[in-house]
Amino acid sequence: CALENAIVRPGITVGAWNVQRLPEIITELVRLKVIRH
């Protein structure tokens, strides 16, 4: 993510074991600045 030239687009594969936690997962990736403006 420190690479200024890179577009980093995390892919979340959604299944039974993580669908309930999508808000928590996305929120953490925002905190890590992986998901960003």
PDB file of all heavy atoms in Angstrom:
ATOM      1  N   CYS A   1       0.818  -1.215   0.000  1.00  0.00           N
ATOM      2  CA  CYS A   1       0.000   0.000   0.000  1.00  0.00           C
ATOM      3  C   CYS A   1       0.852   1.265   0.000  1.00  0.00           C
ATOM      4  O   CYS A   1       0.359   2.347  -0.336  1.00  0.00           O
ATOM      5  CB  CYS A   1      -0.937  -0.004   1.201  1.00  0.00           C
ATOM      6  SG  CYS A   1      -2.281  -1.232   1.080  1.00  0.00           S
ATOM      7  N   ALA A   2       2.116   1.147   0.368  1.00  0.00           N
ATOM      8  CA  ALA A   2       3.024   2.288   0.334  1.00  0.00           C
ATOM      9  C   ALA A   2       3.474   2.625  -1.086  1.00  0.00           C
ATOM     10  O   ALA A   2       4.019   3.710  -1.323  1.00  0.00           O
ATOM     11  CB  ALA A   2       4.240   2.027   1.216  1.00  0.00           C
ATOM     12  N   LEU A   3       3.255   1.710  -2.037  1.00  0.00           N
ATOM     13  CA  LEU A   3       3.610   1.973  -3.429  1.00  0.00           C
ATOM     14  C   LEU A   3       2.666   3.026  -3.992  1.00  0.00           C
ATOM     15  O   LEU A   3       1.450   2.823  -4.056  1.00  0.00           O
ATOM     16  CB  LEU A   3       3.518   0.692  -4.260  1.00  0.00           C
ATOM     17  CG  LEU A   3       4.487  -0.443  -3.898  1.00  0.00           C
ATOM     18  CD1 LEU A   3       4.139  -1.699  -4.698  1.00  0.00           C
ATOM     19  CD2 LEU A   3       5.924  -0.038  -4.156  1.00  0.00           C
ATOM     20  N   GLU A   4       3.210   4.145  -4.421  1.00  0.00           N
ATOM     21  CA  GLU A   4       2.378   5.235  -4.913  1.00  0.00           C
ATOM     22  C   GLU A   4       1.737   4.928  -6.257  1.00  0.00           C
ATOM     23  O   GLU A   4       0.737   5.544  -6.630  1.00  0.00           O
ATOM     24  CB  GLU A   4       3.204   6.519  -5.009  1.00  0.00           C
ATOM     25  CG  GLU A   4       3.695   7.031  -3.656  1.00  0.00           C
ATOM     26  CD  GLU A   4       4.462   8.330  -3.761  1.00  0.00           C
ATOM     27  OE1 GLU A   4       4.694   8.779  -4.913  1.00  0.00           O
ATOM     28  OE2 GLU A   4       4.834   8.883  -2.713  1.00  0.00           O
ATOM     29  N   ASN A   5       2.293   3.970  -7.002  1.00  0.00           N
ATOM     30  CA  ASN A   5       1.782   3.658  -8.337  1.00  0.00           C
ATOM     31  C   ASN A   5       0.796   2.508  -8.359  1.00  0.00           C
ATOM     32  O   ASN A   5       0.233   2.201  -9.414  1.00  0.00           O
ATOM     33  CB  ASN A   5       2.953   3.319  -9.266  1.00  0.00           C
ATOM     34  CG  ASN A   5       3.745   2.104  -8.778  1.00  0.00           C
ATOM     35  OD1 ASN A   5       3.895   1.903  -7.576  1.00  0.00           O
ATOM     36  ND2 ASN A   5       4.276   1.306  -9.693  1.00  0.00           N
ATOM     37  N   ALA A   6       0.569   1.852  -7.225  1.00  0.00           N
ATOM     38  CA  ALA A   6      -0.236   0.635  -7.193  1.00  0.00           C
ATOM     39  C   ALA A   6      -1.686   0.923  -6.824  1.00  0.00           C
ATOM     40  O   ALA A   6      -1.961   1.711  -5.913  1.00  0.00           O
ATOM     41  CB  ALA A   6       0.344  -0.377  -6.212  1.00  0.00           C
ATOM     42  N   ILE A   7      -2.597   0.285  -7.521  1.00  0.00           N
ATOM     43  CA  ILE A   7      -3.992   0.222  -7.104  1.00  0.00           C
ATOM     44  C   ILE A   7      -4.171  -1.096  -6.366  1.00  0.00           C
ATOM     45  O   ILE A   7      -4.017  -2.173  -6.947  1.00  0.00           O
ATOM     46  CB  ILE A   7      -4.953   0.290  -8.292  1.00  0.00           C
ATOM     47  CG1 ILE A   7      -4.772   1.601  -9.063  1.00  0.00           C
ATOM     48  CG2 ILE A   7      -6.392   0.140  -7.822  1.00  0.00           C
ATOM     49  CD1 ILE A   7      -5.122   2.831  -8.292  1.00  0.00           C
ATOM     50  N   VAL A   8      -4.452  -1.023  -5.101  1.00  0.00           N
ATOM     51  CA  VAL A   8      -4.623  -2.213  -4.265  1.00  0.00           C
ATOM     52  C   VAL A   8      -6.111  -2.400  -4.025  1.00  0.00           C
ATOM     53  O   VAL A   8      -6.775  -1.533  -3.437  1.00  0.00           O
ATOM     54  CB  VAL A   8      -3.867  -2.078  -2.935  1.00  0.00           C
ATOM     55  CG1 VAL A   8      -4.038  -3.355  -2.099  1.00  0.00           C
ATOM     56  CG2 VAL A   8      -2.384  -1.798  -3.184  1.00  0.00           C
ATOM     57  N   ARG A   9      -6.651  -3.523  -4.512  1.00  0.00           N
ATOM     58  CA  ARG A   9      -8.083  -3.798  -4.386  1.00  0.00           C
ATOM     59  C   ARG A   9      -8.268  -5.146  -3.693  1.00  0.00           C
ATOM     60  O   ARG A   9      -8.248  -6.194  -4.329  1.00  0.00           O
ATOM     61  CB  ARG A   9      -8.758  -3.827  -5.748  1.00  0.00           C
ATOM     62  CG  ARG A   9      -8.718  -2.523  -6.518  1.00  0.00           C
ATOM     63  CD  ARG A   9      -9.452  -2.661  -7.846  1.00  0.00           C
ATOM     64  NE  ARG A   9     -10.867  -2.893  -7.634  1.00  0.00           N
ATOM     65  CZ  ARG A   9     -11.641  -3.645  -8.417  1.00  0.00           C
ATOM     66  NH1 ARG A   9     -11.123  -4.260  -9.430  1.00  0.00           N
ATOM     67  NH2 ARG A   9     -12.918  -3.793  -8.154  1.00  0.00           N
ATOM     68  N   PRO A  10      -8.427  -5.159  -2.364  1.00  0.00           N
ATOM     69  CA  PRO A  10      -8.626  -6.434  -1.686  1.00  0.00           C
ATOM     70  C   PRO A  10      -9.902  -7.124  -2.134  1.00  0.00           C
ATOM     71  O   PRO A  10     -10.943  -6.483  -2.321  1.00  0.00           O
ATOM     72  CB  PRO A  10      -8.702  -6.035  -0.205  1.00  0.00           C
ATOM     73  CG  PRO A  10      -9.065  -4.587  -0.215  1.00  0.00           C
ATOM     74  CD  PRO A  10      -8.460  -4.011  -1.456  1.00  0.00           C
ATOM     75  N   GLY A  11      -9.800  -8.420  -2.334  1.00  0.00           N
ATOM     76  CA  GLY A  11     -10.951  -9.223  -2.701  1.00  0.00           C
ATOM     77  C   GLY A  11     -11.377 -10.091  -1.528  1.00  0.00           C
ATOM     78  O   GLY A  11     -10.567 -10.828  -0.963  1.00  0.00           O
ATOM     79  N   ILE A  12     -12.634  -9.980  -1.139  1.00  0.00           N
ATOM     80  CA  ILE A  12     -13.178 -10.772  -0.046  1.00  0.00           C
ATOM     81  C   ILE A  12     -14.111 -11.821  -0.629  1.00  0.00           C
ATOM     82  O   ILE A  12     -15.131 -11.495  -1.238  1.00  0.00           O
ATOM     83  CB  ILE A  12     -13.941  -9.884   0.956  1.00  0.00           C
ATOM     84  CG1 ILE A  12     -13.037  -8.765   1.488  1.00  0.00           C
ATOM     85  CG2 ILE A  12     -14.494 -10.726   2.102  1.00  0.00           C
ATOM     86  CD1 ILE A  12     -13.769  -7.740   2.344  1.00  0.00           C
ATOM     87  N   THR A  13     -13.745 -13.085  -0.490  1.00  0.00           N
ATOM     88  CA  THR A  13     -14.602 -14.173  -0.931  1.00  0.00           C
ATOM     89  C   THR A  13     -15.591 -14.480   0.183  1.00  0.00           C
ATOM     90  O   THR A  13     -15.193 -14.852   1.291  1.00  0.00           O
ATOM     91  CB  THR A  13     -13.779 -15.413  -1.288  1.00  0.00           C
ATOM     92  OG1 THR A  13     -12.886 -15.083  -2.373  1.00  0.00           O
ATOM     93  CG2 THR A  13     -14.684 -16.554  -1.728  1.00  0.00           C
ATOM     94  N   VAL A  14     -16.866 -14.317  -0.109  1.00  0.00           N
ATOM     95  CA  VAL A  14     -17.907 -14.359   0.912  1.00  0.00           C
ATOM     96  C   VAL A  14     -18.556 -15.734   0.944  1.00  0.00           C
ATOM     97  O   VAL A  14     -19.077 -16.229  -0.055  1.00  0.00           O
ATOM     98  CB  VAL A  14     -18.969 -13.280   0.649  1.00  0.00           C
ATOM     99  CG1 VAL A  14     -20.031 -13.302   1.758  1.00  0.00           C
ATOM    100  CG2 VAL A  14     -18.318 -11.900   0.548  1.00  0.00           C
ATOM    101  N   GLY A  15     -18.521 -16.338   2.118  1.00  0.00           N
ATOM    102  CA  GLY A  15     -19.178 -17.620   2.338  1.00  0.00           C
ATOM    103  C   GLY A  15     -19.885 -17.625   3.673  1.00  0.00           C
ATOM    104  O   GLY A  15     -19.998 -16.592   4.353  1.00  0.00           O
ATOM    105  N   ALA A  16     -20.347 -18.797   4.069  1.00  0.00           N
ATOM    106  CA  ALA A  16     -21.117 -18.910   5.305  1.00  0.00           C
ATOM    107  C   ALA A  16     -20.326 -18.445   6.523  1.00  0.00           C
ATOM    108  O   ALA A  16     -20.886 -17.891   7.470  1.00  0.00           O
ATOM    109  CB  ALA A  16     -21.571 -20.360   5.494  1.00  0.00           C
ATOM    110  N   TRP A  17     -19.021 -18.694   6.511  1.00  0.00           N
ATOM    111  CA  TRP A  17     -18.198 -18.432   7.688  1.00  0.00           C
ATOM    112  C   TRP A  17     -17.793 -16.972   7.891  1.00  0.00           C
ATOM    113  O   TRP A  17     -17.255 -16.634   8.948  1.00  0.00           O
ATOM    114  CB  TRP A  17     -16.941 -19.287   7.680  1.00  0.00           C
ATOM    115  CG  TRP A  17     -16.263 -19.400   6.344  1.00  0.00           C
ATOM    116  CD1 TRP A  17     -16.034 -18.401   5.429  1.00  0.00           C
ATOM    117  CD2 TRP A  17     -15.786 -20.610   5.762  1.00  0.00           C
ATOM    118  NE1 TRP A  17     -15.418 -18.899   4.328  1.00  0.00           N
ATOM    119  CE2 TRP A  17     -15.251 -20.269   4.497  1.00  0.00           C
ATOM    120  CE3 TRP A  17     -15.727 -21.929   6.177  1.00  0.00           C
ATOM    121  CZ2 TRP A  17     -14.672 -21.208   3.656  1.00  0.00           C
ATOM    122  CZ3 TRP A  17     -15.178 -22.871   5.328  1.00  0.00           C
ATOM    123  CH2 TRP A  17     -14.651 -22.502   4.092  1.00  0.00           C
ATOM    124  N   ASN A  18     -17.993 -16.110   6.900  1.00  0.00           N
ATOM    125  CA  ASN A  18     -17.592 -14.718   7.098  1.00  0.00           C
ATOM    126  C   ASN A  18     -18.643 -13.686   6.720  1.00  0.00           C
ATOM    127  O   ASN A  18     -18.425 -12.491   6.906  1.00  0.00           O
ATOM    128  CB  ASN A  18     -16.284 -14.423   6.331  1.00  0.00           C
ATOM    129  CG  ASN A  18     -16.426 -14.526   4.819  1.00  0.00           C
ATOM    130  OD1 ASN A  18     -17.443 -14.986   4.307  1.00  0.00           O
ATOM    131  ND2 ASN A  18     -15.387 -14.108   4.100  1.00  0.00           N
ATOM    132  N   VAL A  19     -19.788 -14.108   6.169  1.00  0.00           N
ATOM    133  CA  VAL A  19     -20.767 -13.127   5.697  1.00  0.00           C
ATOM    134  C   VAL A  19     -21.295 -12.264   6.839  1.00  0.00           C
ATOM    135  O   VAL A  19     -21.554 -11.061   6.642  1.00  0.00           O
ATOM    136  CB  VAL A  19     -21.927 -13.823   4.953  1.00  0.00           C
ATOM    137  CG1 VAL A  19     -22.759 -14.697   5.901  1.00  0.00           C
ATOM    138  CG2 VAL A  19     -22.796 -12.808   4.242  1.00  0.00           C
ATOM    139  N   GLN A  20     -21.429 -12.831   8.031  1.00  0.00           N
ATOM    140  CA  GLN A  20     -21.928 -12.055   9.156  1.00  0.00           C
ATOM    141  C   GLN A  20     -20.924 -11.014   9.636  1.00  0.00           C
ATOM    142  O   GLN A  20     -21.287 -10.054  10.313  1.00  0.00           O
ATOM    143  CB  GLN A  20     -22.289 -12.988  10.327  1.00  0.00           C
ATOM    144  CG  GLN A  20     -23.334 -14.025  10.006  1.00  0.00           C
ATOM    145  CD  GLN A  20     -23.553 -15.003  11.139  1.00  0.00           C
ATOM    146  OE1 GLN A  20     -24.081 -14.643  12.192  1.00  0.00           O
ATOM    147  NE2 GLN A  20     -23.151 -16.257  10.951  1.00  0.00           N
ATOM    148  N   ARG A  21     -19.678 -11.197   9.252  1.00  0.00           N
ATOM    149  CA  ARG A  21     -18.609 -10.333   9.757  1.00  0.00           C
ATOM    150  C   ARG A  21     -18.064  -9.353   8.714  1.00  0.00           C
ATOM    151  O   ARG A  21     -17.048  -8.714   8.937  1.00  0.00           O
ATOM    152  CB  ARG A  21     -17.465 -11.212  10.282  1.00  0.00           C
ATOM    153  CG  ARG A  21     -17.756 -11.780  11.647  1.00  0.00           C
ATOM    154  CD  ARG A  21     -16.627 -12.588  12.196  1.00  0.00           C
ATOM    155  NE  ARG A  21     -15.299 -12.082  11.877  1.00  0.00           N
ATOM    156  CZ  ARG A  21     -14.630 -11.175  12.620  1.00  0.00           C
ATOM    157  NH1 ARG A  21     -15.221 -10.678  13.706  1.00  0.00           N
ATOM    158  NH2 ARG A  21     -13.418 -10.778  12.282  1.00  0.00           N
ATOM    159  N   LEU A  22     -18.759  -9.214   7.598  1.00  0.00           N
ATOM    160  CA  LEU A  22     -18.267  -8.284   6.590  1.00  0.00           C
ATOM    161  C   LEU A  22     -18.057  -6.874   7.151  1.00  0.00           C
ATOM    162  O   LEU A  22     -17.050  -6.231   6.828  1.00  0.00           O
ATOM    163  CB  LEU A  22     -19.211  -8.256   5.391  1.00  0.00           C
ATOM    164  CG  LEU A  22     -19.167  -9.505   4.490  1.00  0.00           C
ATOM    165  CD1 LEU A  22     -20.178  -9.371   3.357  1.00  0.00           C
ATOM    166  CD2 LEU A  22     -17.771  -9.718   3.918  1.00  0.00           C
ATOM    167  N   PRO A  23     -18.945  -6.344   7.980  1.00  0.00           N
ATOM    168  CA  PRO A  23     -18.679  -5.019   8.544  1.00  0.00           C
ATOM    169  C   PRO A  23     -17.387  -4.957   9.347  1.00  0.00           C
ATOM    170  O   PRO A  23     -16.620  -3.987   9.226  1.00  0.00           O
ATOM    171  CB  PRO A  23     -19.906  -4.757   9.428  1.00  0.00           C
ATOM    172  CG  PRO A  23     -20.994  -5.564   8.799  1.00  0.00           C
ATOM    173  CD  PRO A  23     -20.308  -6.809   8.320  1.00  0.00           C
ATOM    174  N   GLU A  24     -17.130  -5.982  10.150  1.00  0.00           N
ATOM    175  CA  GLU A  24     -15.915  -5.989  10.961  1.00  0.00           C
ATOM    176  C   GLU A  24     -14.659  -6.121  10.091  1.00  0.00           C
ATOM    177  O   GLU A  24     -13.635  -5.464  10.333  1.00  0.00           O
ATOM    178  CB  GLU A  24     -15.960  -7.129  11.976  1.00  0.00           C
ATOM    179  CG  GLU A  24     -16.966  -6.938  13.100  1.00  0.00           C
ATOM    180  CD  GLU A  24     -18.385  -7.326  12.740  1.00  0.00           C
ATOM    181  OE1 GLU A  24     -18.628  -7.740  11.586  1.00  0.00           O
ATOM    182  OE2 GLU A  24     -19.262  -7.265  13.622  1.00  0.00           O
ATOM    183  N   ILE A  25     -14.742  -6.984   9.067  1.00  0.00           N
ATOM    184  CA  ILE A  25     -13.592  -7.183   8.182  1.00  0.00           C
ATOM    185  C   ILE A  25     -13.271  -5.899   7.429  1.00  0.00           C
ATOM    186  O   ILE A  25     -12.111  -5.453   7.376  1.00  0.00           O
ATOM    187  CB  ILE A  25     -13.872  -8.331   7.191  1.00  0.00           C
ATOM    188  CG1 ILE A  25     -14.050  -9.654   7.945  1.00  0.00           C
ATOM    189  CG2 ILE A  25     -12.746  -8.449   6.171  1.00  0.00           C
ATOM    190  CD1 ILE A  25     -14.637 -10.774   7.095  1.00  0.00           C
ATOM    191  N   ILE A  26     -14.293  -5.280   6.840  1.00  0.00           N
ATOM    192  CA  ILE A  26     -14.092  -4.057   6.058  1.00  0.00           C
ATOM    193  C   ILE A  26     -13.588  -2.929   6.952  1.00  0.00           C
ATOM    194  O   ILE A  26     -12.685  -2.175   6.579  1.00  0.00           O
ATOM    195  CB  ILE A  26     -15.396  -3.676   5.336  1.00  0.00           C
ATOM    196  CG1 ILE A  26     -15.721  -4.733   4.266  1.00  0.00           C
ATOM    197  CG2 ILE A  26     -15.286  -2.284   4.708  1.00  0.00           C
ATOM    198  CD1 ILE A  26     -17.116  -4.621   3.693  1.00  0.00           C
ATOM    199  N   THR A  27     -14.146  -2.810   8.152  1.00  0.00           N
ATOM    200  CA  THR A  27     -13.711  -1.772   9.091  1.00  0.00           C
ATOM    201  C   THR A  27     -12.238  -1.929   9.438  1.00  0.00           C
ATOM    202  O   THR A  27     -11.502  -0.941   9.519  1.00  0.00           O
ATOM    203  CB  THR A  27     -14.578  -1.802  10.361  1.00  0.00           C
ATOM    204  OG1 THR A  27     -15.948  -1.553  10.017  1.00  0.00           O
ATOM    205  CG2 THR A  27     -14.112  -0.761  11.364  1.00  0.00           C
ATOM    206  N   GLU A  28     -11.784  -3.155   9.639  1.00  0.00           N
ATOM    207  CA  GLU A  28     -10.379  -3.386   9.956  1.00  0.00           C
ATOM    208  C   GLU A  28      -9.484  -3.067   8.761  1.00  0.00           C
ATOM    209  O   GLU A  28      -8.396  -2.500   8.921  1.00  0.00           O
ATOM    210  CB  GLU A  28     -10.159  -4.833  10.408  1.00  0.00           C
ATOM    211  CG  GLU A  28      -8.707  -5.206  10.689  1.00  0.00           C
ATOM    212  CD  GLU A  28      -8.065  -4.415  11.824  1.00  0.00           C
ATOM    213  OE1 GLU A  28      -8.789  -3.679  12.535  1.00  0.00           O
ATOM    214  OE2 GLU A  28      -6.834  -4.543  12.006  1.00  0.00           O
ATOM    215  N   LEU A  29      -9.930  -3.386   7.553  1.00  0.00           N
ATOM    216  CA  LEU A  29      -9.138  -3.071   6.368  1.00  0.00           C
ATOM    217  C   LEU A  29      -9.088  -1.567   6.123  1.00  0.00           C
ATOM    218  O   LEU A  29      -8.107  -1.055   5.585  1.00  0.00           O
ATOM    219  CB  LEU A  29      -9.691  -3.806   5.145  1.00  0.00           C
ATOM    220  CG  LEU A  29      -9.577  -5.341   5.194  1.00  0.00           C
ATOM    221  CD1 LEU A  29     -10.186  -5.965   3.939  1.00  0.00           C
ATOM    222  CD2 LEU A  29      -8.127  -5.785   5.347  1.00  0.00           C
ATOM    223  N   VAL A  30     -10.118  -0.853   6.532  1.00  0.00           N
ATOM    224  CA  VAL A  30     -10.076   0.611   6.489  1.00  0.00           C
ATOM    225  C   VAL A  30      -9.043   1.119   7.492  1.00  0.00           C
ATOM    226  O   VAL A  30      -8.237   2.007   7.186  1.00  0.00           O
ATOM    227  CB  VAL A  30     -11.462   1.216   6.790  1.00  0.00           C
ATOM    228  CG1 VAL A  30     -11.360   2.731   6.987  1.00  0.00           C
ATOM    229  CG2 VAL A  30     -12.441   0.904   5.661  1.00  0.00           C
ATOM    230  N   ARG A  31      -9.063   0.547   8.686  1.00  0.00           N
ATOM    231  CA  ARG A  31      -8.103   0.968   9.714  1.00  0.00           C
ATOM    232  C   ARG A  31      -6.667   0.737   9.260  1.00  0.00           C
ATOM    233  O   ARG A  31      -5.784   1.561   9.520  1.00  0.00           O
ATOM    234  CB  ARG A  31      -8.361   0.204  11.019  1.00  0.00           C
ATOM    235  CG  ARG A  31      -7.564   0.736  12.207  1.00  0.00           C
ATOM    236  CD  ARG A  31      -7.649  -0.180  13.398  1.00  0.00           C
ATOM    237  NE  ARG A  31      -6.914  -1.420  13.205  1.00  0.00           N
ATOM    238  CZ  ARG A  31      -5.571  -1.541  13.344  1.00  0.00           C
ATOM    239  NH1 ARG A  31      -4.841  -0.502  13.671  1.00  0.00           N
ATOM    240  NH2 ARG A  31      -4.991  -2.724  13.157  1.00  0.00           N
ATOM    241  N   LEU A  32      -6.447  -0.372   8.546  1.00  0.00           N
ATOM    242  CA  LEU A  32      -5.113  -0.690   8.041  1.00  0.00           C
ATOM    243  C   LEU A  32      -4.766   0.115   6.783  1.00  0.00           C
ATOM    244  O   LEU A  32      -3.666  -0.025   6.250  1.00  0.00           O
ATOM    245  CB  LEU A  32      -5.006  -2.188   7.731  1.00  0.00           C
ATOM    246  CG  LEU A  32      -5.072  -3.140   8.928  1.00  0.00           C
ATOM    247  CD1 LEU A  32      -5.171  -4.589   8.446  1.00  0.00           C
ATOM    248  CD2 LEU A  32      -3.846  -2.962   9.828  1.00  0.00           C
ATOM    249  N   LYS A  33      -5.712   0.943   6.327  1.00  0.00           N
ATOM    250  CA  LYS A  33      -5.548   1.784   5.134  1.00  0.00           C
ATOM    251  C   LYS A  33      -5.352   0.960   3.867  1.00  0.00           C
ATOM    252  O   LYS A  33      -4.710   1.398   2.914  1.00  0.00           O
ATOM    253  CB  LYS A  33      -4.393   2.778   5.322  1.00  0.00           C
ATOM    254  CG  LYS A  33      -4.610   3.737   6.492  1.00  0.00           C
ATOM    255  CD  LYS A  33      -3.457   4.716   6.633  1.00  0.00           C
ATOM    256  CE  LYS A  33      -3.723   5.673   7.798  1.00  0.00           C
ATOM    257  NZ  LYS A  33      -2.633   6.639   8.003  1.00  0.00           N
ATOM    258  N   VAL A  34      -5.924  -0.250   3.864  1.00  0.00           N
ATOM    259  CA  VAL A  34      -5.948  -1.077   2.663  1.00  0.00           C
ATOM    260  C   VAL A  34      -7.151  -0.673   1.819  1.00  0.00           C
ATOM    261  O   VAL A  34      -7.056  -0.537   0.608  1.00  0.00           O
ATOM    262  CB  VAL A  34      -6.015  -2.572   3.020  1.00  0.00           C
ATOM    263  CG1 VAL A  34      -6.043  -3.421   1.752  1.00  0.00           C
ATOM    264  CG2 VAL A  34      -4.836  -2.964   3.899  1.00  0.00           C
ATOM    265  N   ILE A  35      -8.294  -0.490   2.457  1.00  0.00           N
ATOM    266  CA  ILE A  35      -9.444   0.119   1.810  1.00  0.00           C
ATOM    267  C   ILE A  35      -9.363   1.613   2.088  1.00  0.00           C
ATOM    268  O   ILE A  35      -9.283   2.039   3.234  1.00  0.00           O
ATOM    269  CB  ILE A  35     -10.765  -0.464   2.351  1.00  0.00           C
ATOM    270  CG1 ILE A  35     -10.878  -1.946   1.977  1.00  0.00           C
ATOM    271  CG2 ILE A  35     -11.954   0.316   1.820  1.00  0.00           C
ATOM    272  CD1 ILE A  35     -12.122  -2.631   2.532  1.00  0.00           C
ATOM    273  N   ARG A  36      -9.347   2.417   1.024  1.00  0.00           N
ATOM    274  CA  ARG A  36      -9.123   3.838   1.194  1.00  0.00           C
ATOM    275  C   ARG A  36      -9.781   4.631   0.075  1.00  0.00           C
ATOM    276  O   ARG A  36     -10.253   4.066  -0.913  1.00  0.00           O
ATOM    277  CB  ARG A  36      -7.613   4.129   1.244  1.00  0.00           C
ATOM    278  CG  ARG A  36      -6.831   3.449   0.132  1.00  0.00           C
ATOM    279  CD  ARG A  36      -5.336   3.579   0.358  1.00  0.00           C
ATOM    280  NE  ARG A  36      -4.588   2.811  -0.621  1.00  0.00           N
ATOM    281  CZ  ARG A  36      -3.261   2.833  -0.734  1.00  0.00           C
ATOM    282  NH1 ARG A  36      -2.551   3.601   0.074  1.00  0.00           N
ATOM    283  NH2 ARG A  36      -2.651   2.098  -1.636  1.00  0.00           N
ATOM    284  N   HIS A  37      -9.792   5.937   0.244  1.00  0.00           N
ATOM    285  CA  HIS A  37     -10.434   6.806  -0.726  1.00  0.00           C
ATOM    286  C   HIS A  37      -9.666   6.894  -2.027  1.00  0.00           C
ATOM    287  O   HIS A  37      -8.440   6.960  -2.039  1.00  0.00           O
ATOM    288  CB  HIS A  37     -10.551   8.229  -0.161  1.00  0.00           C
ATOM    289  CG  HIS A  37     -11.656   8.414   0.804  1.00  0.00           C
ATOM    290  ND1 HIS A  37     -11.457   8.475   2.140  1.00  0.00           N
ATOM    291  CD2 HIS A  37     -12.976   8.550   0.638  1.00  0.00           C
ATOM    292  CE1 HIS A  37     -12.613   8.669   2.759  1.00  0.00           C
ATOM    293  NE2 HIS A  37     -13.549   8.706   1.870  1.00  0.00           N
TER     294      HIS A  37
END
